[in-house]
Amino acid sequence: MHADIVFTGRTVRTGDPDARCHEALAVKDGLISALGAEALATRGPRTTVVDLAGGALLPAFGDGHAHPVLGGLGLRGVPVRACSSVEEIVEAVRRWAEDHPEADWITGDGFDPWLAPDGRFDARWLDTAVPDRPVLLRTSDHHTAWVNGEALRRAGYTAATPDPPGGQIVRRDGGSEPLGTLREFGAMNPVLSLVPTPSPQEHVDALREAASLFAAAGVTWVQDALVLPQHADAWITAATTGPGLPVRADLCFLLEPDDWRGRITRFVADRERVESAAPGLVTARSVKFFADGVLEAGTASLLEPYTDCPHSHGMATWAPAELAQAVTAVDALGFRPHIHAIGDGAVRAALDAVEAADRVNGPRDRRPVIAHAELIEAADLPRFRSLGVIANLQPLWSQCDALMTELILPRIGPERGARQYQTASLLTSGAHVAFGSDWPVTAHEPLRGIATAVTRQTPEGTPEGGWLPAERISSATALSAYSAGSAHQAFQEKEWGVLRPGMRADLVHLAADPVTTPPAALAHLPVLGTWLAGRRTHGTGTPTPARTARH
């Protein structure tokens, strides 16, 4: 039987550590049908032959933690992501406001949180550019917002306004007047709720643009790690109308502490609605929890106080006992908990919650996810393996960049600073590790994260030998975390993630073999083609998106 596609060129890496490279791969009806000489023998008159031309064919990537809808929407508004100073941001806001006199709100996403001392941004700086319309800008980590005076006024924030639950209104030095910096969603949401909601079509357009970006980076599966009802609607519409989608996805419904018991009953109906509308393309089997904030804002939950703020352990979004109850409840409904946990206190609370679910609901292959796991106490590291918890790490974060030197290390000190992003230690312990980008927080391209995981260096190549070099991993291991690791997270390791006959033909064609490419060059290795079940979604004959993220 002749194949639909045959890839030739002598470098087909299956992703199986025990398998050799093959010279060819054949695809029939969306599945891998043969490898090596057997694949070459299936060429026929109607077979499409793809010459790898010195490049390599590998399993496509899966992104285990990203925000496609939110990221796509964030491509609109003031382009602040490329700004390298407060002055550049203010000027970008001024220009955008002048070009859009009809806009009631001026918004933008993605500027660096270290551009102001201690991450404290002043409303008065924005007021010099736009004094009469509200401005709302969010940092790249989305856990801090910078607003102007008019946004504070519309939200009703004054010197008498107390910090809301789950948030902090940063005050001016020596007083109680709001500065213009809002930390965490409890403080941001009263302002965000005033911003006009994008239309359903704008949500769909944003998702399609984001999905094209992922396809161009070699990604065929994405975990949408924060899904609101309107986001689920966008996934359904994008998957079932027009050209469809170039990626598959699993959706994480967001669960917050307020009225969580009432919300989870609706998740079951939402799961059925999503999966019946787009079978085989979109699932909805996860529930997202925020256990804490982020270290750079001082809102990650720590076991011991912050070095620069000895009275604070950060901000636990959930009380530990209630987090355990909620995780147990969603687990009983067949959902997989997907828990944002940055600080070691949040990581412990998340592990305790999974342990409670296992104790109450009984052992099974539930594959809960702890996302980020930036800081892990030594006693908690082996619990990932023993509890079957997947550590979904963002490899691009494991570098000593300005975020680390200007904000994080001064807040947590050297001892805790040396326990960050323990990629190799988790793998050595036997834990399952999957990689994700957290886009739009950082770049969506897996190869940039893979390069950082291997070198533990900044793009400038510092420090020599890598930051915390004992946590470096090999190129092959990093590639696997972004393919087989993601497939395991998706409960689809028997369908994709490695290249074997009978597996889905989810493939990526790179311009060179990433295993033999110098690690520092991996970040710039071109993606020449992507295939989703044998259907080309990027490369020759497919449009390439023009916009990409800076970080």
Protein backbone atom coordinates (compact mmCIF):
# COMPACT_ATOMS: atom_id res chain seq x y z
CA MET A 1 0.00 0.00 0.00
CA HIS A 2 1.42 3.35 -1.03
CA ALA A 3 1.98 6.03 1.58
CA ASP A 4 0.41 9.47 1.50
CA ILE A 5 3.69 11.11 2.54
CA VAL A 6 7.26 9.83 2.74
CA PHE A 7 9.94 11.88 4.47
CA THR A 8 13.48 11.19 3.30
CA GLY A 9 16.85 12.61 4.27
CA ARG A 10 18.43 10.21 6.76
CA THR A 11 17.71 12.04 10.04
CA VAL A 12 14.41 10.88 11.51
CA ARG A 13 14.66 10.99 15.30
CA THR A 14 11.85 8.99 16.85
CA GLY A 15 12.14 10.45 20.34
CA ASP A 16 12.55 6.93 21.70
CA PRO A 17 15.84 6.87 23.65
CA ASP A 18 16.39 3.21 22.76
CA ALA A 19 15.83 3.63 19.01
CA ARG A 20 18.35 4.62 16.38
CA CYS A 21 17.83 7.37 13.81
CA HIS A 22 16.06 6.32 10.62
CA GLU A 23 16.55 7.51 7.06
CA ALA A 24 12.84 7.79 6.23
CA LEU A 25 9.30 7.85 7.64
CA ALA A 26 6.00 7.11 5.90
CA VAL A 27 2.52 8.42 6.70
CA LYS A 28 -0.79 6.85 5.69
CA ASP A 29 -4.22 8.13 6.75
CA GLY A 30 -2.74 10.46 9.36
CA LEU A 31 -0.71 7.72 11.08
CA ILE A 32 2.92 6.72 10.89
CA SER A 33 2.96 3.60 8.73
CA ALA A 34 6.65 2.70 8.41
CA LEU A 35 10.21 3.73 9.24
CA GLY A 36 13.53 3.36 7.42
CA ALA A 37 13.88 1.20 4.31
CA GLU A 38 10.31 -0.04 4.73
CA ALA A 39 9.08 3.55 4.52
CA LEU A 40 11.08 4.18 1.32
CA ALA A 41 9.45 1.15 -0.26
CA THR A 42 5.95 2.62 0.18
CA ARG A 43 6.48 5.49 -2.27
CA GLY A 44 3.98 5.53 -5.10
CA PRO A 45 2.84 7.80 -7.93
CA ARG A 46 0.60 9.85 -5.63
CA THR A 47 2.92 9.93 -2.63
CA THR A 48 4.13 13.34 -1.51
CA VAL A 49 7.86 13.08 -0.92
CA VAL A 50 9.36 15.55 1.57
CA ASP A 51 13.14 15.87 1.41
CA LEU A 52 14.46 16.81 4.85
CA ALA A 53 17.38 18.43 3.01
CA GLY A 54 19.91 18.07 5.78
CA GLY A 55 17.40 18.79 8.50
CA ALA A 56 15.69 16.44 10.94
CA LEU A 57 12.19 15.08 11.50
CA LEU A 58 11.06 14.68 15.12
CA PRO A 59 7.89 14.25 17.15
CA ALA A 60 6.00 17.54 17.21
CA PHE A 61 6.03 19.55 20.42
CA GLY A 62 3.26 19.80 22.99
CA ASP A 63 2.97 22.87 25.19
CA GLY A 64 1.82 21.75 28.63
CA HIS A 65 0.98 25.21 30.00
CA ALA A 66 0.03 28.21 27.87
CA HIS A 67 -2.75 30.76 27.41
CA PRO A 68 -3.65 30.88 23.71
CA VAL A 69 -6.82 32.97 23.96
CA LEU A 70 -5.40 35.44 26.47
CA GLY A 71 -2.15 35.62 24.51
CA GLY A 72 -3.93 36.23 21.24
CA LEU A 73 -5.98 39.02 22.78
CA GLY A 74 -2.79 40.47 24.25
CA LEU A 75 -1.34 40.96 20.77
CA ARG A 76 -3.77 43.86 20.47
CA GLY A 77 -3.49 47.16 22.31
CA VAL A 78 -0.36 49.16 23.17
CA PRO A 79 2.81 47.33 22.01
CA VAL A 80 4.72 47.49 25.29
CA ARG A 81 6.39 44.07 25.15
CA ALA A 82 9.43 45.40 23.27
CA CYS A 83 9.90 48.43 25.52
CA SER A 84 13.12 48.48 27.54
CA SER A 85 12.40 51.39 29.90
CA VAL A 86 9.58 53.15 31.71
CA GLU A 87 10.06 56.12 29.39
CA GLU A 88 9.59 53.93 26.30
CA ILE A 89 6.37 52.50 27.73
CA VAL A 90 4.98 55.94 28.52
CA GLU A 91 5.81 57.14 25.00
CA ALA A 92 4.20 54.01 23.46
CA VAL A 93 1.06 54.69 25.48
CA ARG A 94 1.03 58.32 24.34
CA ARG A 95 1.36 57.40 20.66
CA TRP A 96 -1.28 54.67 20.84
CA ALA A 97 -3.75 56.97 22.60
CA GLU A 98 -3.23 59.66 19.96
CA ASP A 99 -3.78 57.11 17.17
CA HIS A 100 -6.93 55.70 18.84
CA PRO A 101 -8.98 58.65 20.09
CA GLU A 102 -12.10 56.45 20.02
CA ALA A 103 -10.75 54.00 22.64
CA ASP A 104 -12.31 54.46 26.05
CA TRP A 105 -9.68 52.23 27.69
CA ILE A 106 -6.00 51.97 26.78
CA THR A 107 -4.55 48.54 27.53
CA GLY A 108 -1.38 46.59 26.87
CA ASP A 109 0.36 43.42 28.05
CA GLY A 110 3.85 42.10 28.48
CA PHE A 111 6.28 44.71 29.81
CA ASP A 112 9.12 43.66 32.09
CA PRO A 113 8.33 43.94 35.82
CA TRP A 114 11.91 44.98 36.73
CA LEU A 115 11.84 48.23 34.72
CA ALA A 116 10.86 50.20 37.83
CA PRO A 117 12.78 49.93 41.11
CA ASP A 118 11.35 47.10 43.23
CA GLY A 119 8.66 46.65 40.57
CA ARG A 120 6.81 49.79 41.78
CA PHE A 121 5.18 51.66 38.88
CA ASP A 122 3.69 55.11 39.44
CA ALA A 123 0.31 56.19 38.05
CA ARG A 124 1.65 59.72 37.64
CA TRP A 125 4.10 58.55 35.00
CA LEU A 126 1.21 57.36 32.84
CA ASP A 127 -0.81 60.47 33.65
CA THR A 128 1.77 62.55 31.79
CA ALA A 129 0.80 60.69 28.62
CA VAL A 130 -2.93 60.09 29.18
CA PRO A 131 -4.58 61.99 32.04
CA ASP A 132 -8.21 61.76 30.92
CA ARG A 133 -8.72 58.10 29.90
CA PRO A 134 -8.00 54.97 31.95
CA VAL A 135 -4.79 53.06 31.21
CA LEU A 136 -4.22 49.44 32.28
CA LEU A 137 -0.94 47.71 31.48
CA ARG A 138 0.02 44.23 32.71
CA THR A 139 3.52 42.92 33.29
CA SER A 140 4.79 39.92 31.37
CA ASP A 141 3.92 37.58 34.27
CA HIS A 142 0.33 38.95 34.37
CA HIS A 143 0.46 39.08 38.17
CA THR A 144 1.02 42.85 38.34
CA ALA A 145 -0.79 45.75 36.68
CA TRP A 146 0.29 49.35 36.21
CA VAL A 147 -2.60 51.79 36.00
CA ASN A 148 -2.99 55.55 35.73
CA GLY A 149 -4.96 57.89 37.97
CA GLU A 150 -8.14 57.68 35.92
CA ALA A 151 -8.17 53.86 36.15
CA LEU A 152 -7.74 54.10 39.92
CA ARG A 153 -10.60 56.60 40.09
CA ARG A 154 -12.97 54.46 38.05
CA ALA A 155 -12.19 51.42 40.21
CA GLY A 156 -12.91 53.45 43.34
CA TYR A 157 -9.41 52.97 44.73
CA THR A 158 -8.49 55.63 47.32
CA ALA A 159 -6.26 55.93 50.34
CA ALA A 160 -9.11 54.47 52.38
CA THR A 161 -9.49 51.34 50.22
CA PRO A 162 -8.17 48.26 52.03
CA ASP A 163 -6.23 45.56 50.22
CA PRO A 164 -8.81 43.17 48.77
CA PRO A 165 -8.66 39.42 49.41
CA GLY A 166 -6.06 37.87 47.14
CA GLY A 167 -4.47 41.17 46.11
CA GLN A 168 -2.29 44.11 47.11
CA ILE A 169 -2.73 47.79 46.30
CA VAL A 170 0.82 49.13 46.45
CA ARG A 171 0.95 52.45 48.35
CA ARG A 172 3.12 55.51 48.01
CA ASP A 173 6.09 55.58 50.36
CA GLY A 174 5.13 56.91 53.74
CA GLY A 175 1.38 56.98 53.05
CA SER A 176 -1.72 55.04 52.06
CA GLU A 177 -2.46 56.61 48.66
CA PRO A 178 -2.46 54.01 45.85
CA LEU A 179 0.77 54.27 43.86
CA GLY A 180 -0.55 52.80 40.60
CA THR A 181 0.79 49.24 40.98
CA LEU A 182 -1.71 46.45 41.64
CA ARG A 183 -0.46 42.99 42.56
CA GLU A 184 -2.39 39.77 42.00
CA PHE A 185 -5.88 39.25 40.65
CA GLY A 186 -7.69 40.31 43.80
CA ALA A 187 -6.39 43.84 43.25
CA MET A 188 -6.47 43.78 39.45
CA ASN A 189 -9.93 42.31 38.91
CA PRO A 190 -11.92 45.41 40.00
CA VAL A 191 -10.10 47.32 37.26
CA LEU A 192 -10.15 44.49 34.70
CA SER A 193 -13.92 44.15 35.16
CA LEU A 194 -14.35 47.71 33.85
CA VAL A 195 -12.47 47.10 30.60
CA PRO A 196 -14.85 46.41 27.67
CA THR A 197 -15.03 42.67 27.01
CA PRO A 198 -13.83 41.61 23.54
CA SER A 199 -16.60 40.29 21.31
CA PRO A 200 -17.02 36.55 20.68
CA GLN A 201 -15.54 37.00 17.21
CA GLU A 202 -12.54 38.83 18.65
CA HIS A 203 -11.96 35.88 20.98
CA VAL A 204 -12.08 33.47 18.01
CA ASP A 205 -9.77 35.64 15.91
CA ALA A 206 -7.32 35.90 18.80
CA LEU A 207 -7.32 32.12 19.27
CA ARG A 208 -6.75 31.48 15.59
CA GLU A 209 -3.81 33.87 15.53
CA ALA A 210 -2.33 32.22 18.61
CA ALA A 211 -2.83 28.72 17.20
CA SER A 212 -1.00 29.72 14.02
CA LEU A 213 1.91 30.98 16.12
CA PHE A 214 2.10 27.64 17.92
CA ALA A 215 1.95 25.67 14.67
CA ALA A 216 4.78 27.78 13.25
CA ALA A 217 6.84 26.83 16.31
CA GLY A 218 6.29 23.08 15.77
CA VAL A 219 3.52 22.65 18.37
CA THR A 220 0.52 20.38 17.75
CA TRP A 221 -1.02 20.19 21.27
CA VAL A 222 -1.57 22.89 23.87
CA GLN A 223 -2.82 22.87 27.45
CA ASP A 224 -4.91 26.04 27.73
CA ALA A 225 -4.15 26.67 31.38
CA LEU A 226 -6.83 29.23 32.24
CA VAL A 227 -10.24 28.89 30.63
CA LEU A 228 -13.27 31.06 31.27
CA PRO A 229 -16.66 30.28 29.68
CA GLN A 230 -16.07 32.68 26.78
CA HIS A 231 -12.71 31.01 26.08
CA ALA A 232 -14.39 27.60 25.82
CA ASP A 233 -16.86 29.09 23.34
CA ALA A 234 -13.96 30.43 21.28
CA TRP A 235 -12.29 27.01 21.16
CA ILE A 236 -15.54 25.38 20.01
CA THR A 237 -16.16 27.96 17.29
CA ALA A 238 -12.56 27.98 16.04
CA ALA A 239 -12.44 24.18 15.94
CA THR A 240 -15.73 23.70 14.12
CA THR A 241 -15.87 26.59 11.63
CA GLY A 242 -13.74 27.99 8.84
CA PRO A 243 -10.35 26.36 8.39
CA GLY A 244 -10.44 24.70 11.81
CA LEU A 245 -7.41 24.70 14.07
CA PRO A 246 -3.79 23.64 13.51
CA VAL A 247 -3.43 22.40 17.12
CA ARG A 248 -5.27 20.15 19.54
CA ALA A 249 -5.93 21.30 23.07
CA ASP A 250 -7.05 20.40 26.55
CA LEU A 251 -8.86 23.12 28.48
CA CYS A 252 -8.36 23.97 32.16
CA PHE A 253 -11.47 25.54 33.73
CA LEU A 254 -10.45 28.18 36.26
CA LEU A 255 -11.62 27.51 39.84
CA GLU A 256 -11.29 30.27 42.43
CA PRO A 257 -11.96 30.11 46.17
CA ASP A 258 -15.23 32.06 46.08
CA ASP A 259 -18.28 29.84 45.44
CA TRP A 260 -16.10 27.00 44.20
CA ARG A 261 -18.62 24.30 45.16
CA GLY A 262 -21.25 25.86 42.94
CA ARG A 263 -18.85 26.32 40.06
CA ILE A 264 -17.58 22.77 39.77
CA THR A 265 -21.06 21.42 39.12
CA ARG A 266 -21.11 23.52 35.95
CA PHE A 267 -17.76 22.20 34.80
CA VAL A 268 -19.23 18.77 34.07
CA ALA A 269 -21.74 20.25 31.62
CA ASP A 270 -19.03 22.45 30.09
CA ARG A 271 -16.80 19.42 29.59
CA GLU A 272 -19.57 17.58 27.77
CA ARG A 273 -20.34 20.65 25.65
CA VAL A 274 -16.73 21.09 24.55
CA GLU A 275 -15.94 17.45 23.87
CA SER A 276 -19.16 16.71 21.99
CA ALA A 277 -18.61 19.78 19.77
CA ALA A 278 -15.00 19.06 18.83
CA PRO A 279 -14.28 15.35 19.40
CA GLY A 280 -10.68 14.36 18.84
CA LEU A 281 -9.53 17.96 18.71
CA VAL A 282 -10.44 19.67 21.99
CA THR A 283 -10.86 18.06 25.41
CA ALA A 284 -11.80 19.75 28.69
CA ARG A 285 -10.49 17.49 31.41
CA SER A 286 -8.53 19.80 33.71
CA VAL A 287 -9.28 22.36 36.42
CA LYS A 288 -6.90 25.23 37.14
CA PHE A 289 -6.02 26.39 40.64
CA PHE A 290 -3.80 29.31 41.65
CA ALA A 291 -2.08 28.28 44.87
CA ASP A 292 -0.10 31.54 45.04
CA GLY A 293 1.37 34.43 43.08
CA VAL A 294 4.94 35.03 41.88
CA LEU A 295 8.29 35.61 43.58
CA GLU A 296 9.11 38.81 41.71
CA ALA A 297 6.02 40.50 43.18
CA GLY A 298 6.54 39.02 46.65
CA THR A 299 3.22 37.16 46.35
CA ALA A 300 4.49 33.57 45.96
CA SER A 301 3.72 31.56 49.10
CA LEU A 302 6.88 30.65 51.04
CA LEU A 303 7.51 28.32 53.96
CA GLU A 304 9.85 30.93 55.50
CA PRO A 305 9.49 34.73 55.25
CA TYR A 306 10.83 36.78 52.38
CA THR A 307 14.39 37.96 52.89
CA ASP A 308 13.52 41.56 51.99
CA CYS A 309 10.21 41.52 53.88
CA PRO A 310 10.60 39.46 57.07
CA HIS A 311 6.97 39.85 58.10
CA SER A 312 5.63 38.29 54.88
CA HIS A 313 5.32 34.70 53.69
CA GLY A 314 3.69 35.88 50.47
CA MET A 315 0.12 35.29 49.43
CA ALA A 316 -1.56 31.87 49.51
CA THR A 317 -4.59 32.11 47.23
CA TRP A 318 -6.33 29.20 48.96
CA ALA A 319 -6.30 28.14 52.57
CA PRO A 320 -4.47 24.76 52.50
CA ALA A 321 -7.39 22.79 53.93
CA GLU A 322 -9.84 24.30 51.45
CA LEU A 323 -7.47 23.71 48.55
CA ALA A 324 -7.35 20.06 49.55
CA GLN A 325 -11.16 19.90 49.66
CA ALA A 326 -11.50 21.54 46.24
CA VAL A 327 -8.84 19.37 44.61
CA THR A 328 -10.51 16.29 46.08
CA ALA A 329 -13.88 17.41 44.74
CA VAL A 330 -12.75 18.03 41.17
CA ASP A 331 -10.73 14.81 41.22
CA ALA A 332 -13.90 12.92 42.21
CA LEU A 333 -15.60 14.36 39.11
CA GLY A 334 -12.86 12.98 36.87
CA PHE A 335 -11.01 16.23 36.30
CA ARG A 336 -7.24 16.54 36.58
CA PRO A 337 -6.03 19.26 38.97
CA HIS A 338 -3.62 21.69 37.31
CA ILE A 339 -2.15 23.81 40.11
CA HIS A 340 -0.07 26.96 39.72
CA ALA A 341 2.48 26.81 42.53
CA ILE A 342 5.60 28.99 42.53
CA GLY A 343 6.81 29.23 46.14
CA ASP A 344 7.83 26.27 48.29
CA GLY A 345 4.84 26.88 50.55
CA ALA A 346 2.45 26.68 47.60
CA VAL A 347 4.19 23.59 46.22
CA ARG A 348 3.79 21.85 49.58
CA ALA A 349 0.11 22.86 49.81
CA ALA A 350 -0.47 21.54 46.26
CA LEU A 351 1.23 18.22 47.03
CA ASP A 352 -0.77 17.92 50.25
CA ALA A 353 -3.97 18.54 48.29
CA VAL A 354 -3.13 15.79 45.78
CA GLU A 355 -2.29 13.44 48.64
CA ALA A 356 -5.69 14.21 50.21
CA ALA A 357 -7.48 13.45 46.93
CA ASP A 358 -5.67 10.14 46.66
CA ARG A 359 -6.56 9.25 50.24
CA VAL A 360 -10.25 10.15 49.91
CA ASN A 361 -10.96 9.05 46.33
CA GLY A 362 -8.62 6.08 46.18
CA PRO A 363 -5.50 5.46 44.09
CA ARG A 364 -5.67 5.69 40.31
CA ASP A 365 -3.67 7.07 37.41
CA ARG A 366 -4.83 10.68 37.83
CA ARG A 367 -1.68 12.55 36.64
CA PRO A 368 -2.22 15.83 38.49
CA VAL A 369 -0.06 18.74 37.36
CA ILE A 370 1.85 21.27 39.41
CA ALA A 371 2.80 24.06 37.04
CA HIS A 372 6.00 26.10 37.48
CA ALA A 373 7.24 24.49 40.75
CA GLU A 374 9.89 27.17 40.86
CA LEU A 375 10.97 26.65 44.46
CA ILE A 376 10.74 23.19 46.05
CA GLU A 377 11.78 22.31 49.60
CA ALA A 378 14.13 19.29 49.62
CA ALA A 379 11.69 17.11 51.58
CA ASP A 380 8.96 17.71 48.99
CA LEU A 381 10.92 16.90 45.85
CA PRO A 382 10.50 13.06 46.04
CA ARG A 383 6.75 13.50 46.61
CA PHE A 384 6.25 14.37 42.92
CA ARG A 385 7.18 10.80 42.00
CA SER A 386 5.44 9.10 44.92
CA LEU A 387 2.17 10.95 44.27
CA GLY A 388 2.37 10.66 40.47
CA VAL A 389 2.44 14.46 40.09
CA ILE A 390 3.66 15.87 36.79
CA ALA A 391 5.99 18.84 37.17
CA ASN A 392 5.16 21.16 34.30
CA LEU A 393 8.18 23.45 34.07
CA GLN A 394 8.85 26.53 31.96
CA PRO A 395 12.45 25.91 30.86
CA LEU A 396 12.93 29.43 29.50
CA TRP A 397 12.71 30.71 33.09
CA SER A 398 15.77 28.74 34.26
CA GLN A 399 18.26 31.52 33.59
CA CYS A 400 19.84 34.26 35.69
CA ASP A 401 18.37 37.22 33.81
CA ALA A 402 17.34 40.68 35.00
CA LEU A 403 14.11 39.35 36.51
CA MET A 404 16.22 37.04 38.65
CA THR A 405 18.94 39.52 39.63
CA GLU A 406 16.76 42.61 40.12
CA LEU A 407 13.69 41.17 41.81
CA ILE A 408 13.73 37.47 42.70
CA LEU A 409 17.14 36.89 44.31
CA PRO A 410 16.95 40.01 46.51
CA ARG A 411 13.56 38.79 47.77
CA ILE A 412 14.49 35.18 48.61
CA GLY A 413 18.24 35.21 49.27
CA PRO A 414 21.03 32.89 48.08
CA GLU A 415 20.02 29.61 49.76
CA ARG A 416 16.54 29.56 48.28
CA GLY A 417 17.85 31.13 45.10
CA ALA A 418 19.98 28.01 44.57
CA ARG A 419 16.89 25.75 44.76
CA GLN A 420 15.07 27.16 41.75
CA TYR A 421 13.96 25.21 38.69
CA GLN A 422 15.28 21.81 39.75
CA THR A 423 14.79 20.18 36.37
CA ALA A 424 17.55 17.57 36.55
CA SER A 425 16.81 16.79 40.20
CA LEU A 426 13.15 16.11 39.46
CA LEU A 427 14.03 13.84 36.54
CA THR A 428 16.65 12.00 38.59
CA SER A 429 14.07 11.43 41.33
CA GLY A 430 11.86 9.63 38.82
CA ALA A 431 9.23 12.36 38.53
CA HIS A 432 7.45 12.98 35.25
CA VAL A 433 8.47 16.33 33.78
CA ALA A 434 6.66 18.09 30.95
CA PHE A 435 7.59 21.46 29.50
CA GLY A 436 5.40 24.45 28.73
CA SER A 437 5.91 28.07 27.74
CA ASP A 438 3.30 29.94 29.81
CA TRP A 439 2.90 32.14 26.71
CA PRO A 440 2.28 35.08 26.61
CA VAL A 441 4.31 35.36 29.83
CA THR A 442 7.34 34.13 27.90
CA ALA A 443 8.04 33.05 24.34
CA HIS A 444 5.95 30.27 22.84
CA GLU A 445 8.77 28.69 20.80
CA PRO A 446 9.83 25.36 22.40
CA LEU A 447 13.32 25.53 20.93
CA ARG A 448 14.09 28.66 22.95
CA GLY A 449 13.09 26.88 26.14
CA ILE A 450 15.01 23.77 25.15
CA ALA A 451 18.16 25.82 24.59
CA THR A 452 17.84 27.33 28.06
CA ALA A 453 17.19 23.97 29.71
CA VAL A 454 20.40 22.64 28.17
CA THR A 455 22.64 25.67 28.83
CA ARG A 456 21.00 27.40 31.84
CA GLN A 457 22.30 30.61 30.25
CA THR A 458 20.82 33.90 29.10
CA PRO A 459 20.67 34.60 25.35
CA GLU A 460 23.95 36.50 25.85
CA GLY A 461 25.61 33.29 27.09
CA THR A 462 25.91 34.14 30.76
CA PRO A 463 27.01 32.88 33.14
CA GLU A 464 29.79 30.75 31.69
CA GLY A 465 28.97 27.13 32.38
CA GLY A 466 25.34 27.94 33.16
CA TRP A 467 23.37 29.09 36.20
CA LEU A 468 23.03 26.27 38.75
CA PRO A 469 24.71 23.98 36.20
CA ALA A 470 23.88 20.76 38.07
CA GLU A 471 20.30 21.27 36.87
CA ARG A 472 21.21 21.31 33.17
CA ILE A 473 19.82 18.49 31.03
CA SER A 474 20.76 17.07 27.63
CA SER A 475 19.21 18.18 24.35
CA ALA A 476 17.56 14.79 23.89
CA THR A 477 16.03 14.93 27.38
CA ALA A 478 14.75 18.48 26.84
CA LEU A 479 13.24 17.55 23.48
CA SER A 480 11.49 14.60 25.13
CA ALA A 481 10.03 16.82 27.87
CA TYR A 482 8.46 18.98 25.15
CA SER A 483 7.07 15.98 23.23
CA ALA A 484 6.72 12.65 25.08
CA GLY A 485 6.43 14.50 28.40
CA SER A 486 3.54 16.58 27.10
CA ALA A 487 1.88 13.53 25.58
CA HIS A 488 2.03 11.82 28.99
CA GLN A 489 0.47 14.90 30.58
CA ALA A 490 -2.31 14.71 27.98
CA PHE A 491 -2.94 10.98 28.70
CA GLN A 492 -2.07 10.41 25.02
CA GLU A 493 1.35 8.82 25.17
CA LYS A 494 0.05 5.88 23.12
CA GLU A 495 -1.06 8.25 20.35
CA TRP A 496 1.74 10.80 19.91
CA GLY A 497 4.99 12.03 21.41
CA VAL A 498 7.28 9.47 19.77
CA LEU A 499 7.50 8.25 16.16
CA ARG A 500 6.42 4.63 15.84
CA PRO A 501 4.18 2.86 13.32
CA GLY A 502 0.56 3.27 14.39
CA MET A 503 1.17 6.56 16.22
CA ARG A 504 -0.31 9.84 14.98
CA ALA A 505 1.80 11.67 12.44
CA ASP A 506 2.32 14.77 14.57
CA LEU A 507 5.67 15.85 13.21
CA VAL A 508 8.10 18.76 13.13
CA HIS A 509 10.80 19.35 10.51
CA LEU A 510 13.79 21.32 11.83
CA ALA A 511 16.55 22.83 9.69
CA ALA A 512 19.20 20.77 11.50
CA ASP A 513 19.44 17.90 13.94
CA PRO A 514 18.82 19.48 17.38
CA VAL A 515 20.73 16.73 19.18
CA THR A 516 23.97 17.53 17.34
CA THR A 517 23.39 21.30 17.05
CA PRO A 518 25.45 23.39 19.51
CA PRO A 519 23.11 24.07 22.43
CA ALA A 520 23.42 27.86 22.21
CA ALA A 521 22.24 27.70 18.57
CA LEU A 522 19.08 25.72 19.33
CA ALA A 523 17.03 28.84 20.07
CA HIS A 524 17.49 30.04 16.49
CA LEU A 525 16.99 26.71 14.71
CA PRO A 526 14.32 27.27 12.02
CA VAL A 527 11.12 25.23 12.05
CA LEU A 528 10.58 24.30 8.41
CA GLY A 529 7.36 22.35 8.73
CA THR A 530 4.71 21.06 11.14
CA TRP A 531 2.16 18.28 10.55
CA LEU A 532 -0.93 17.47 12.61
CA ALA A 533 -1.98 13.87 11.92
CA GLY A 534 -0.29 14.13 8.55
CA ARG A 535 -1.88 17.49 7.65
CA ARG A 536 0.63 20.24 7.09
CA THR A 537 -0.07 23.17 9.38
CA HIS A 538 3.12 25.16 8.85
CA GLY A 539 5.69 25.41 6.10
CA THR A 540 5.39 25.43 2.33
CA GLY A 541 1.90 26.46 1.34
CA THR A 542 0.83 27.58 4.81
CA PRO A 543 0.80 31.19 6.04
CA THR A 544 3.42 32.25 8.56
CA PRO A 545 2.23 34.68 11.27
CA ALA A 546 3.99 38.03 11.24
CA ARG A 547 3.95 38.76 14.96
CA THR A 548 5.78 36.98 17.71
CA ALA A 549 6.61 37.49 21.36
CA ARG A 550 9.78 39.21 22.57
CA HIS A 551 10.43 37.15 25.69
